[in-house]
Amino acid sequence: MIVDCAIYRHGHRTEGPEDLSDALAEARAAGGFVWIGLYEPSEREFDLVTQEFALHPLAVEDALNAHQRPKLEVYDDSLFMVLKPVAYDADSDIVSAGEIMVFIGNCFVVTVRHGEISPLAAVRHRLEEEPEMLDKGPTAVLYAISDAVVDHYLEVATELGNDLEELEAEVFRPEGGGSRHTASRIYGFKRQILEFRRATGPLALPLTRLAGTGPFGATVPFVHDKARPFFRDVGDHLMRVNESVEALDRLVSDMLSAHLAQMSVRQNDDMRKISSWAAMAAVPMMIAGIYGMNFDHMPELHWLWSYPAVILLMAALEVLLYRLFKERGRL
């Protein structure tokens, strides 16, 4: 459905007519542009937009179906970009992503949103308070959306880093590192970082092209030359995010390896202790087993002090074994 539709002249908003053809014609006549925002439109709802703005069918298919990687596509009459805004729920340690598709042309902007995560309303409100920037046209809208998405990436990366520090402290805490749920928590955290990387990693190339620093950057249409430094700044922020994501992923992998090694060492220590106690238990069992056999003729069988002597012998051997295992660190 259409969430918002407005015409912007010299950076100021005027409500557009309900008919998209009239809105586009009015924007062209006034030297402005029309910005239409849609939320999870159906194919039928999007047909009118496709016809009025001559959107490429491949881009339209991507916009309707969603589940796209961040990318930038150049067509004859428009520029098509896909971004994936993310949100992080610190309580459940879950990273969730939405999708924003942006079409820009000489005098129009069409944004298509999928999912609940979106900075579009805030971006539109901020731009309407900065008419000088909004006067730059559709390029300013594309920059503002990209900047908002990437800036939130930085916030999510910081939150993930803080939670990862807490998890690291738990893993290496003596009483907490051996929890049966620790390994599953670490692996779950790694899955969330992977989800985050799917949003941030592929976006680097589109921003490089928009900034004019890539092999095809200078040929990207609908982007003013004066806007390229701004896209370059967004690309620098994204580079910081990707470096943070790589560092987080390596740290989680190292943490999982350290946790498994820690568990292995503890299991070895437990086995050594069990073996030592088993050896100590074997001595009295052996002596009691010998004296429990039904023989009439056995050495010392009828001595008066046989029973206490055997008990003392077993106790002495147990103390000797205990001290020996304790000195060798097996107990």
C-alpha atoms as a PDB file:
ATOM      1  CA  MET A   1       0.000   0.000   0.000  1.00  0.00           C
ATOM      2  CA  ILE A   2       1.033   3.650  -0.478  1.00  0.00           C
ATOM      3  CA  VAL A   3       2.226   4.985   2.872  1.00  0.00           C
ATOM      4  CA  ASP A   4       3.130   8.504   1.749  1.00  0.00           C
ATOM      5  CA  CYS A   5       3.151  10.541  -1.448  1.00  0.00           C
ATOM      6  CA  ALA A   6       4.402  14.113  -1.707  1.00  0.00           C
ATOM      7  CA  ILE A   7       5.933  16.553  -4.165  1.00  0.00           C
ATOM      8  CA  TYR A   8       9.022  18.493  -3.140  1.00  0.00           C
ATOM      9  CA  ARG A   9       9.774  21.869  -4.701  1.00  0.00           C
ATOM     10  CA  HIS A  10      12.909  23.756  -3.668  1.00  0.00           C
ATOM     11  CA  GLY A  11      13.181  21.483  -0.639  1.00  0.00           C
ATOM     12  CA  HIS A  12       9.633  22.097   0.617  1.00  0.00           C
ATOM     13  CA  ARG A  13       6.820  19.591   0.728  1.00  0.00           C
ATOM     14  CA  THR A  14       3.491  19.948  -0.994  1.00  0.00           C
ATOM     15  CA  GLU A  15       0.899  17.218  -0.927  1.00  0.00           C
ATOM     16  CA  GLY A  16       0.720  15.458  -4.258  1.00  0.00           C
ATOM     17  CA  PRO A  17      -2.483  14.634  -6.104  1.00  0.00           C
ATOM     18  CA  GLU A  18      -3.913  11.166  -5.702  1.00  0.00           C
ATOM     19  CA  ASP A  19      -3.301  10.370  -9.363  1.00  0.00           C
ATOM     20  CA  LEU A  20       0.332   9.386  -9.850  1.00  0.00           C
ATOM     21  CA  SER A  21       0.403  10.681 -13.426  1.00  0.00           C
ATOM     22  CA  ASP A  22      -0.688  14.111 -12.253  1.00  0.00           C
ATOM     23  CA  ALA A  23       1.831  14.031  -9.405  1.00  0.00           C
ATOM     24  CA  LEU A  24       4.684  13.190 -11.752  1.00  0.00           C
ATOM     25  CA  ALA A  25       3.638  15.818 -14.288  1.00  0.00           C
ATOM     26  CA  GLU A  26       3.323  18.429 -11.559  1.00  0.00           C
ATOM     27  CA  ALA A  27       6.755  17.590 -10.181  1.00  0.00           C
ATOM     28  CA  ARG A  28       8.345  17.873 -13.620  1.00  0.00           C
ATOM     29  CA  ALA A  29       6.618  21.165 -14.334  1.00  0.00           C
ATOM     30  CA  ALA A  30       7.728  22.655 -11.029  1.00  0.00           C
ATOM     31  CA  GLY A  31      11.314  21.429 -11.309  1.00  0.00           C
ATOM     32  CA  GLY A  32      10.943  19.243  -8.231  1.00  0.00           C
ATOM     33  CA  PHE A  33      10.428  15.559  -7.619  1.00  0.00           C
ATOM     34  CA  VAL A  34       7.783  13.250  -6.251  1.00  0.00           C
ATOM     35  CA  TRP A  35       8.541  10.786  -3.442  1.00  0.00           C
ATOM     36  CA  ILE A  36       6.236   7.791  -3.070  1.00  0.00           C
ATOM     37  CA  GLY A  37       6.599   5.374  -0.170  1.00  0.00           C
ATOM     38  CA  LEU A  38       5.067   1.889  -0.300  1.00  0.00           C
ATOM     39  CA  TYR A  39       4.864  -0.878   2.286  1.00  0.00           C
ATOM     40  CA  GLU A  40       4.873  -4.490   1.051  1.00  0.00           C
ATOM     41  CA  PRO A  41       2.811  -3.711  -2.070  1.00  0.00           C
ATOM     42  CA  SER A  42       1.063  -6.425  -4.012  1.00  0.00           C
ATOM     43  CA  GLU A  43       1.717  -6.901  -7.709  1.00  0.00           C
ATOM     44  CA  ARG A  44      -1.574  -5.241  -8.570  1.00  0.00           C
ATOM     45  CA  GLU A  45      -0.853  -2.239  -6.357  1.00  0.00           C
ATOM     46  CA  PHE A  46       2.598  -1.824  -7.877  1.00  0.00           C
ATOM     47  CA  ASP A  47       1.461  -2.046 -11.497  1.00  0.00           C
ATOM     48  CA  LEU A  48       0.386   1.594 -11.624  1.00  0.00           C
ATOM     49  CA  VAL A  49       3.689   2.762 -10.166  1.00  0.00           C
ATOM     50  CA  THR A  50       5.567   0.606 -12.654  1.00  0.00           C
ATOM     51  CA  GLN A  51       3.691   2.047 -15.602  1.00  0.00           C
ATOM     52  CA  GLU A  52       3.896   5.695 -14.549  1.00  0.00           C
ATOM     53  CA  PHE A  53       7.614   5.671 -13.737  1.00  0.00           C
ATOM     54  CA  ALA A  54       8.694   3.153 -16.410  1.00  0.00           C
ATOM     55  CA  LEU A  55      10.418   0.910 -13.897  1.00  0.00           C
ATOM     56  CA  HIS A  56      12.363  -2.026 -15.224  1.00  0.00           C
ATOM     57  CA  PRO A  57      10.512  -5.360 -14.847  1.00  0.00           C
ATOM     58  CA  LEU A  58      13.502  -7.097 -13.280  1.00  0.00           C
ATOM     59  CA  ALA A  59      13.777  -4.424 -10.607  1.00  0.00           C
ATOM     60  CA  VAL A  60      10.019  -4.569 -10.062  1.00  0.00           C
ATOM     61  CA  GLU A  61      10.212  -8.326  -9.556  1.00  0.00           C
ATOM     62  CA  ASP A  62      12.951  -7.869  -6.954  1.00  0.00           C
ATOM     63  CA  ALA A  63      10.964  -5.154  -5.185  1.00  0.00           C
ATOM     64  CA  LEU A  64       7.859  -7.324  -4.959  1.00  0.00           C
ATOM     65  CA  ASN A  65       9.494 -10.591  -3.958  1.00  0.00           C
ATOM     66  CA  ALA A  66      12.015  -9.140  -1.474  1.00  0.00           C
ATOM     67  CA  HIS A  67      14.666 -11.438   0.083  1.00  0.00           C
ATOM     68  CA  GLN A  68      17.355  -9.684  -1.954  1.00  0.00           C
ATOM     69  CA  ARG A  69      20.991  -9.005  -1.216  1.00  0.00           C
ATOM     70  CA  PRO A  70      22.067  -5.358  -0.968  1.00  0.00           C
ATOM     71  CA  LYS A  71      22.892  -4.247  -4.482  1.00  0.00           C
ATOM     72  CA  LEU A  72      22.835  -1.409  -7.010  1.00  0.00           C
ATOM     73  CA  GLU A  73      21.371  -1.788 -10.492  1.00  0.00           C
ATOM     74  CA  VAL A  74      21.434   0.833 -13.262  1.00  0.00           C
ATOM     75  CA  TYR A  75      18.636   0.904 -15.833  1.00  0.00           C
ATOM     76  CA  ASP A  76      17.809   3.306 -18.653  1.00  0.00           C
ATOM     77  CA  ASP A  77      15.335   5.461 -16.752  1.00  0.00           C
ATOM     78  CA  SER A  78      16.097   4.724 -13.117  1.00  0.00           C
ATOM     79  CA  LEU A  79      18.573   3.605 -10.508  1.00  0.00           C
ATOM     80  CA  PHE A  80      17.602   0.692  -8.264  1.00  0.00           C
ATOM     81  CA  MET A  81      19.209   0.041  -4.888  1.00  0.00           C
ATOM     82  CA  VAL A  82      18.508  -2.544  -2.196  1.00  0.00           C
ATOM     83  CA  LEU A  83      19.447  -1.996   1.447  1.00  0.00           C
ATOM     84  CA  LYS A  84      18.871  -4.167   4.513  1.00  0.00           C
ATOM     85  CA  PRO A  85      18.315  -2.234   7.755  1.00  0.00           C
ATOM     86  CA  VAL A  86      18.885  -4.301  10.889  1.00  0.00           C
ATOM     87  CA  ALA A  87      17.795  -4.213  14.514  1.00  0.00           C
ATOM     88  CA  TYR A  88      19.255  -5.997  17.527  1.00  0.00           C
ATOM     89  CA  ASP A  89      17.228  -7.173  20.503  1.00  0.00           C
ATOM     90  CA  ALA A  90      19.685  -7.310  23.397  1.00  0.00           C
ATOM     91  CA  ASP A  91      17.255  -9.250  25.602  1.00  0.00           C
ATOM     92  CA  SER A  92      16.930 -12.189  23.202  1.00  0.00           C
ATOM     93  CA  ASP A  93      20.304 -11.701  21.412  1.00  0.00           C
ATOM     94  CA  ILE A  94      18.597 -11.741  18.024  1.00  0.00           C
ATOM     95  CA  VAL A  95      19.539  -9.719  14.939  1.00  0.00           C
ATOM     96  CA  SER A  96      16.613  -9.156  12.581  1.00  0.00           C
ATOM     97  CA  ALA A  97      16.684  -7.498   9.179  1.00  0.00           C
ATOM     98  CA  GLY A  98      14.213  -5.733   6.928  1.00  0.00           C
ATOM     99  CA  GLU A  99      14.506  -4.590   3.316  1.00  0.00           C
ATOM    100  CA  ILE A 100      14.302  -1.234   1.586  1.00  0.00           C
ATOM    101  CA  MET A 101      14.186  -0.936  -2.213  1.00  0.00           C
ATOM    102  CA  VAL A 102      14.839   2.526  -3.639  1.00  0.00           C
ATOM    103  CA  PHE A 103      14.088   3.610  -7.202  1.00  0.00           C
ATOM    104  CA  ILE A 104      15.354   7.051  -8.221  1.00  0.00           C
ATOM    105  CA  GLY A 105      15.042   8.897 -11.501  1.00  0.00           C
ATOM    106  CA  ASN A 106      15.370  12.463 -12.675  1.00  0.00           C
ATOM    107  CA  CYS A 107      12.231  13.622 -10.878  1.00  0.00           C
ATOM    108  CA  PHE A 108      10.987  10.759  -8.725  1.00  0.00           C
ATOM    109  CA  VAL A 109      11.832   8.558  -5.772  1.00  0.00           C
ATOM    110  CA  VAL A 110       9.977   5.326  -5.042  1.00  0.00           C
ATOM    111  CA  THR A 111      10.759   3.494  -1.818  1.00  0.00           C
ATOM    112  CA  VAL A 112       9.433   0.001  -1.108  1.00  0.00           C
ATOM    113  CA  ARG A 113       9.672  -1.339   2.426  1.00  0.00           C
ATOM    114  CA  HIS A 114       9.467  -4.965   3.563  1.00  0.00           C
ATOM    115  CA  GLY A 115       9.396  -5.816   7.250  1.00  0.00           C
ATOM    116  CA  GLU A 116       8.921  -3.634  10.283  1.00  0.00           C
ATOM    117  CA  ILE A 117      12.511  -2.410  10.498  1.00  0.00           C
ATOM    118  CA  SER A 118      12.832   0.819   8.566  1.00  0.00           C
ATOM    119  CA  PRO A 119      14.296   4.318   9.043  1.00  0.00           C
ATOM    120  CA  LEU A 120      12.252   5.776   6.164  1.00  0.00           C
ATOM    121  CA  ALA A 121       9.792   7.764   8.275  1.00  0.00           C
ATOM    122  CA  ALA A 122      12.603   9.300  10.300  1.00  0.00           C
ATOM    123  CA  VAL A 123      14.612  10.044   7.146  1.00  0.00           C
ATOM    124  CA  ARG A 124      11.684  11.771   5.458  1.00  0.00           C
ATOM    125  CA  HIS A 125      10.991  13.835   8.580  1.00  0.00           C
ATOM    126  CA  ARG A 126      14.652  14.849   8.915  1.00  0.00           C
ATOM    127  CA  LEU A 127      14.953  15.803   5.261  1.00  0.00           C
ATOM    128  CA  GLU A 128      11.803  17.912   5.420  1.00  0.00           C
ATOM    129  CA  GLU A 129      13.471  19.886   8.210  1.00  0.00           C
ATOM    130  CA  GLU A 130      16.524  20.460   5.982  1.00  0.00           C
ATOM    131  CA  PRO A 131      15.139  22.014   2.779  1.00  0.00           C
ATOM    132  CA  GLU A 132      18.593  22.955   1.503  1.00  0.00           C
ATOM    133  CA  MET A 133      19.587  19.299   1.423  1.00  0.00           C
ATOM    134  CA  LEU A 134      16.215  18.125   0.125  1.00  0.00           C
ATOM    135  CA  ASP A 135      16.536  20.652  -2.707  1.00  0.00           C
ATOM    136  CA  LYS A 136      19.351  18.488  -4.125  1.00  0.00           C
ATOM    137  CA  GLY A 137      16.692  16.121  -5.434  1.00  0.00           C
ATOM    138  CA  PRO A 138      16.416  12.318  -5.459  1.00  0.00           C
ATOM    139  CA  THR A 139      20.157  11.931  -4.878  1.00  0.00           C
ATOM    140  CA  ALA A 140      19.752  13.533  -1.454  1.00  0.00           C
ATOM    141  CA  VAL A 141      17.027  11.022  -0.567  1.00  0.00           C
ATOM    142  CA  LEU A 142      19.188   8.069  -1.582  1.00  0.00           C
ATOM    143  CA  TYR A 143      22.111   9.431   0.430  1.00  0.00           C
ATOM    144  CA  ALA A 144      19.974  10.087   3.513  1.00  0.00           C
ATOM    145  CA  ILE A 145      18.519   6.560   3.454  1.00  0.00           C
ATOM    146  CA  SER A 146      21.955   4.970   3.007  1.00  0.00           C
ATOM    147  CA  ASP A 147      23.432   7.126   5.753  1.00  0.00           C
ATOM    148  CA  ALA A 148      20.632   6.257   8.200  1.00  0.00           C
ATOM    149  CA  VAL A 149      20.932   2.526   7.516  1.00  0.00           C
ATOM    150  CA  VAL A 150      24.723   2.453   7.897  1.00  0.00           C
ATOM    151  CA  ASP A 151      24.718   4.661  11.000  1.00  0.00           C
ATOM    152  CA  HIS A 152      22.377   2.186  12.663  1.00  0.00           C
ATOM    153  CA  TYR A 153      24.780  -0.589  11.657  1.00  0.00           C
ATOM    154  CA  LEU A 154      27.382   1.133  13.843  1.00  0.00           C
ATOM    155  CA  GLU A 155      24.989   1.118  16.786  1.00  0.00           C
ATOM    156  CA  VAL A 156      24.173  -2.561  16.300  1.00  0.00           C
ATOM    157  CA  ALA A 157      27.870  -3.451  16.038  1.00  0.00           C
ATOM    158  CA  THR A 158      28.522  -1.636  19.328  1.00  0.00           C
ATOM    159  CA  GLU A 159      25.663  -3.454  21.073  1.00  0.00           C
ATOM    160  CA  LEU A 160      26.869  -6.812  19.754  1.00  0.00           C
ATOM    161  CA  GLY A 161      30.378  -6.023  20.993  1.00  0.00           C
ATOM    162  CA  ASN A 162      29.091  -5.187  24.479  1.00  0.00           C
ATOM    163  CA  ASP A 163      27.064  -8.390  24.722  1.00  0.00           C
ATOM    164  CA  LEU A 164      29.975 -10.395  23.405  1.00  0.00           C
ATOM    165  CA  GLU A 165      32.189  -9.042  26.185  1.00  0.00           C
ATOM    166  CA  GLU A 166      29.634 -10.238  28.726  1.00  0.00           C
ATOM    167  CA  LEU A 167      29.517 -13.664  27.089  1.00  0.00           C
ATOM    168  CA  GLU A 168      33.311 -13.828  27.051  1.00  0.00           C
ATOM    169  CA  ALA A 169      33.440 -13.069  30.775  1.00  0.00           C
ATOM    170  CA  GLU A 170      30.903 -15.840  31.388  1.00  0.00           C
ATOM    171  CA  VAL A 171      32.842 -18.361  29.317  1.00  0.00           C
ATOM    172  CA  PHE A 172      36.086 -17.812  31.198  1.00  0.00           C
ATOM    173  CA  ARG A 173      34.536 -17.507  34.633  1.00  0.00           C
ATOM    174  CA  PRO A 174      35.494 -20.686  36.567  1.00  0.00           C
ATOM    175  CA  GLU A 175      31.980 -21.435  37.767  1.00  0.00           C
ATOM    176  CA  GLY A 176      30.250 -20.444  34.509  1.00  0.00           C
ATOM    177  CA  GLY A 177      32.483 -21.636  31.715  1.00  0.00           C
ATOM    178  CA  GLY A 178      31.425 -25.244  32.038  1.00  0.00           C
ATOM    179  CA  SER A 179      27.704 -24.678  31.654  1.00  0.00           C
ATOM    180  CA  ARG A 180      26.020 -27.087  29.243  1.00  0.00           C
ATOM    181  CA  HIS A 181      24.296 -24.144  27.527  1.00  0.00           C
ATOM    182  CA  THR A 182      27.426 -22.062  26.974  1.00  0.00           C
ATOM    183  CA  ALA A 183      28.412 -23.686  23.670  1.00  0.00           C
ATOM    184  CA  SER A 184      24.895 -23.282  22.264  1.00  0.00           C
ATOM    185  CA  ARG A 185      24.874 -19.603  23.294  1.00  0.00           C
ATOM    186  CA  ILE A 186      28.203 -19.006  21.580  1.00  0.00           C
ATOM    187  CA  TYR A 187      27.031 -20.734  18.408  1.00  0.00           C
ATOM    188  CA  GLY A 188      23.758 -18.784  18.498  1.00  0.00           C
ATOM    189  CA  PHE A 189      25.740 -15.567  18.797  1.00  0.00           C
ATOM    190  CA  LYS A 190      27.783 -16.574  15.776  1.00  0.00           C
ATOM    191  CA  ARG A 191      24.573 -17.088  13.798  1.00  0.00           C
ATOM    192  CA  GLN A 192      23.444 -13.568  14.657  1.00  0.00           C
ATOM    193  CA  ILE A 193      26.755 -12.137  13.484  1.00  0.00           C
ATOM    194  CA  LEU A 194      26.329 -14.039  10.229  1.00  0.00           C
ATOM    195  CA  GLU A 195      22.873 -12.493   9.813  1.00  0.00           C
ATOM    196  CA  PHE A 196      24.401  -9.069  10.416  1.00  0.00           C
ATOM    197  CA  ARG A 197      27.166  -9.723   7.881  1.00  0.00           C
ATOM    198  CA  ARG A 198      24.615 -10.623   5.196  1.00  0.00           C
ATOM    199  CA  ALA A 199      23.289  -7.085   5.476  1.00  0.00           C
ATOM    200  CA  THR A 200      26.570  -5.182   5.726  1.00  0.00           C
ATOM    201  CA  GLY A 201      29.011  -7.084   3.516  1.00  0.00           C
ATOM    202  CA  PRO A 202      27.314  -6.879   0.089  1.00  0.00           C
ATOM    203  CA  LEU A 203      26.543  -3.159   0.563  1.00  0.00           C
ATOM    204  CA  ALA A 204      30.205  -2.181   0.192  1.00  0.00           C
ATOM    205  CA  LEU A 205      30.278  -2.453  -3.621  1.00  0.00           C
ATOM    206  CA  PRO A 206      27.114  -0.354  -4.249  1.00  0.00           C
ATOM    207  CA  LEU A 207      28.432   2.435  -2.028  1.00  0.00           C
ATOM    208  CA  THR A 208      31.799   2.262  -3.761  1.00  0.00           C
ATOM    209  CA  ARG A 209      30.092   2.765  -7.104  1.00  0.00           C
ATOM    210  CA  LEU A 210      27.964   5.637  -5.794  1.00  0.00           C
ATOM    211  CA  ALA A 211      31.076   7.280  -4.352  1.00  0.00           C
ATOM    212  CA  GLY A 212      32.786   7.119  -7.729  1.00  0.00           C
ATOM    213  CA  THR A 213      35.745   5.135  -6.400  1.00  0.00           C
ATOM    214  CA  GLY A 214      34.902   1.818  -8.042  1.00  0.00           C
ATOM    215  CA  PRO A 215      35.580   0.696 -11.611  1.00  0.00           C
ATOM    216  CA  PHE A 216      32.090   1.798 -12.698  1.00  0.00           C
ATOM    217  CA  GLY A 217      31.534   4.611 -10.215  1.00  0.00           C
ATOM    218  CA  ALA A 218      31.981   7.431 -12.704  1.00  0.00           C
ATOM    219  CA  THR A 219      29.257   6.038 -14.978  1.00  0.00           C
ATOM    220  CA  VAL A 220      26.456   5.756 -12.398  1.00  0.00           C
ATOM    221  CA  PRO A 221      23.628   8.051 -13.560  1.00  0.00           C
ATOM    222  CA  PHE A 222      21.166  10.032 -11.442  1.00  0.00           C
ATOM    223  CA  VAL A 223      23.910  10.782  -8.898  1.00  0.00           C
ATOM    224  CA  HIS A 224      25.298  14.307  -8.811  1.00  0.00           C
ATOM    225  CA  ASP A 225      29.058  14.672  -8.729  1.00  0.00           C
ATOM    226  CA  LYS A 226      28.821  16.864  -5.615  1.00  0.00           C
ATOM    227  CA  ALA A 227      27.081  14.020  -3.792  1.00  0.00           C
ATOM    228  CA  ARG A 228      29.898  11.537  -4.297  1.00  0.00           C
ATOM    229  CA  PRO A 229      31.956  12.685  -1.272  1.00  0.00           C
ATOM    230  CA  PHE A 230      28.901  12.132   0.909  1.00  0.00           C
ATOM    231  CA  PHE A 231      28.521   8.567  -0.363  1.00  0.00           C
ATOM    232  CA  ARG A 232      32.251   8.123   0.199  1.00  0.00           C
ATOM    233  CA  ASP A 233      31.716   9.113   3.837  1.00  0.00           C
ATOM    234  CA  VAL A 234      28.932   6.531   4.169  1.00  0.00           C
ATOM    235  CA  GLY A 235      31.250   3.970   2.591  1.00  0.00           C
ATOM    236  CA  ASP A 236      33.920   4.761   5.197  1.00  0.00           C
ATOM    237  CA  HIS A 237      31.394   4.177   7.973  1.00  0.00           C
ATOM    238  CA  LEU A 238      30.382   0.892   6.377  1.00  0.00           C
ATOM    239  CA  MET A 239      34.033  -0.142   6.206  1.00  0.00           C
ATOM    240  CA  ARG A 240      34.302   0.390   9.947  1.00  0.00           C
ATOM    241  CA  VAL A 241      31.190  -1.721  10.447  1.00  0.00           C
ATOM    242  CA  ASN A 242      32.533  -4.549   8.295  1.00  0.00           C
ATOM    243  CA  GLU A 243      35.836  -4.493  10.172  1.00  0.00           C
ATOM    244  CA  SER A 244      33.924  -4.699  13.458  1.00  0.00           C
ATOM    245  CA  VAL A 245      31.839  -7.603  12.152  1.00  0.00           C
ATOM    246  CA  GLU A 246      34.975  -9.467  11.052  1.00  0.00           C
ATOM    247  CA  ALA A 247      36.555  -8.899  14.462  1.00  0.00           C
ATOM    248  CA  LEU A 248      33.409 -10.079  16.247  1.00  0.00           C
ATOM    249  CA  ASP A 249      33.215 -13.195  14.088  1.00  0.00           C
ATOM    250  CA  ARG A 250      36.855 -14.081  14.773  1.00  0.00           C
ATOM    251  CA  LEU A 251      36.401 -13.463  18.480  1.00  0.00           C
ATOM    252  CA  VAL A 252      33.333 -15.705  18.644  1.00  0.00           C
ATOM    253  CA  SER A 253      35.160 -18.466  16.764  1.00  0.00           C
ATOM    254  CA  ASP A 254      38.151 -18.193  19.109  1.00  0.00           C
ATOM    255  CA  MET A 255      35.814 -18.134  22.099  1.00  0.00           C
ATOM    256  CA  LEU A 256      34.083 -21.310  20.931  1.00  0.00           C
ATOM    257  CA  SER A 257      37.437 -23.044  20.408  1.00  0.00           C
ATOM    258  CA  ALA A 258      38.659 -21.906  23.826  1.00  0.00           C
ATOM    259  CA  HIS A 259      35.441 -23.084  25.463  1.00  0.00           C
ATOM    260  CA  LEU A 260      35.696 -26.524  23.855  1.00  0.00           C
ATOM    261  CA  ALA A 261      39.367 -26.772  24.872  1.00  0.00           C
ATOM    262  CA  GLN A 262      38.419 -25.702  28.390  1.00  0.00           C
ATOM    263  CA  MET A 263      35.736 -28.371  28.547  1.00  0.00           C
ATOM    264  CA  SER A 264      38.182 -30.983  27.251  1.00  0.00           C
ATOM    265  CA  VAL A 265      40.728 -30.066  29.945  1.00  0.00           C
ATOM    266  CA  ARG A 266      38.063 -30.265  32.628  1.00  0.00           C
ATOM    267  CA  GLN A 267      36.933 -33.646  31.367  1.00  0.00           C
ATOM    268  CA  ASN A 268      40.528 -34.889  31.478  1.00  0.00           C
ATOM    269  CA  ASP A 269      40.867 -33.598  35.031  1.00  0.00           C
ATOM    270  CA  ASP A 270      37.650 -35.368  35.984  1.00  0.00           C
ATOM    271  CA  MET A 271      38.849 -38.620  34.418  1.00  0.00           C
ATOM    272  CA  ARG A 272      42.148 -38.388  36.298  1.00  0.00           C
ATOM    273  CA  LYS A 273      40.305 -37.887  39.566  1.00  0.00           C
ATOM    274  CA  ILE A 274      37.942 -40.755  38.858  1.00  0.00           C
ATOM    275  CA  SER A 275      40.876 -43.022  37.979  1.00  0.00           C
ATOM    276  CA  SER A 276      42.675 -42.055  41.178  1.00  0.00           C
ATOM    277  CA  TRP A 277      39.649 -42.730  43.365  1.00  0.00           C
ATOM    278  CA  ALA A 278      39.111 -46.034  41.548  1.00  0.00           C
ATOM    279  CA  ALA A 279      42.709 -47.050  42.276  1.00  0.00           C
ATOM    280  CA  MET A 280      42.259 -46.165  45.938  1.00  0.00           C
ATOM    281  CA  ALA A 281      39.054 -48.187  46.089  1.00  0.00           C
ATOM    282  CA  ALA A 282      40.718 -51.194  44.448  1.00  0.00           C
ATOM    283  CA  VAL A 283      43.202 -51.770  47.295  1.00  0.00           C
ATOM    284  CA  PRO A 284      40.720 -52.522  50.104  1.00  0.00           C
ATOM    285  CA  MET A 285      38.536 -54.443  47.671  1.00  0.00           C
ATOM    286  CA  MET A 286      41.495 -56.655  46.757  1.00  0.00           C
ATOM    287  CA  ILE A 287      42.445 -57.316  50.397  1.00  0.00           C
ATOM    288  CA  ALA A 288      38.823 -57.891  51.463  1.00  0.00           C
ATOM    289  CA  GLY A 289      38.354 -60.168  48.482  1.00  0.00           C
ATOM    290  CA  ILE A 290      41.282 -62.339  49.475  1.00  0.00           C
ATOM    291  CA  TYR A 291      40.165 -62.651  53.094  1.00  0.00           C
ATOM    292  CA  GLY A 292      36.603 -63.292  52.024  1.00  0.00           C
ATOM    293  CA  MET A 293      37.483 -66.544  50.273  1.00  0.00           C
ATOM    294  CA  ASN A 294      36.301 -69.772  51.972  1.00  0.00           C
ATOM    295  CA  PHE A 295      39.605 -71.495  52.828  1.00  0.00           C
ATOM    296  CA  ASP A 296      40.392 -73.401  56.035  1.00  0.00           C
ATOM    297  CA  HIS A 297      44.152 -72.944  55.808  1.00  0.00           C
ATOM    298  CA  MET A 298      45.172 -69.333  55.275  1.00  0.00           C
ATOM    299  CA  PRO A 299      48.090 -67.433  56.797  1.00  0.00           C
ATOM    300  CA  GLU A 300      47.118 -65.364  59.840  1.00  0.00           C
ATOM    301  CA  LEU A 301      43.482 -66.486  59.459  1.00  0.00           C
ATOM    302  CA  HIS A 302      43.106 -67.374  63.166  1.00  0.00           C
ATOM    303  CA  TRP A 303      45.323 -64.659  64.627  1.00  0.00           C
ATOM    304  CA  LEU A 304      43.693 -62.599  67.336  1.00  0.00           C
ATOM    305  CA  TRP A 305      44.777 -59.304  65.803  1.00  0.00           C
ATOM    306  CA  SER A 306      44.182 -60.246  62.171  1.00  0.00           C
ATOM    307  CA  TYR A 307      41.121 -58.054  61.641  1.00  0.00           C
ATOM    308  CA  PRO A 308      42.516 -54.782  63.079  1.00  0.00           C
ATOM    309  CA  ALA A 309      45.851 -55.420  61.385  1.00  0.00           C
ATOM    310  CA  VAL A 310      44.184 -55.757  57.977  1.00  0.00           C
ATOM    311  CA  ILE A 311      42.100 -52.623  58.611  1.00  0.00           C
ATOM    312  CA  LEU A 312      45.210 -50.643  59.559  1.00  0.00           C
ATOM    313  CA  LEU A 313      47.032 -51.960  56.507  1.00  0.00           C
ATOM    314  CA  MET A 314      44.212 -50.864  54.209  1.00  0.00           C
ATOM    315  CA  ALA A 315      44.052 -47.433  55.885  1.00  0.00           C
ATOM    316  CA  ALA A 316      47.812 -46.966  55.554  1.00  0.00           C
ATOM    317  CA  LEU A 317      47.751 -47.901  51.888  1.00  0.00           C
ATOM    318  CA  GLU A 318      44.833 -45.512  51.260  1.00  0.00           C
ATOM    319  CA  VAL A 319      46.705 -42.619  52.939  1.00  0.00           C
ATOM    320  CA  LEU A 320      49.823 -43.437  50.953  1.00  0.00           C
ATOM    321  CA  LEU A 321      47.938 -43.500  47.643  1.00  0.00           C
ATOM    322  CA  TYR A 322      46.060 -40.298  48.486  1.00  0.00           C
ATOM    323  CA  ARG A 323      49.274 -38.410  49.252  1.00  0.00           C
ATOM    324  CA  LEU A 324      50.915 -39.790  46.111  1.00  0.00           C
ATOM    325  CA  PHE A 325      48.002 -38.747  43.830  1.00  0.00           C
ATOM    326  CA  LYS A 326      47.715 -35.376  45.564  1.00  0.00           C
ATOM    327  CA  GLU A 327      51.395 -34.593  44.992  1.00  0.00           C
ATOM    328  CA  ARG A 328      51.049 -35.445  41.318  1.00  0.00           C
ATOM    329  CA  GLY A 329      47.948 -33.253  40.905  1.00  0.00           C
ATOM    330  CA  ARG A 330      45.553 -36.070  40.189  1.00  0.00           C
ATOM    331  CA  LEU A 331      43.259 -35.175  43.095  1.00  0.00           C
END
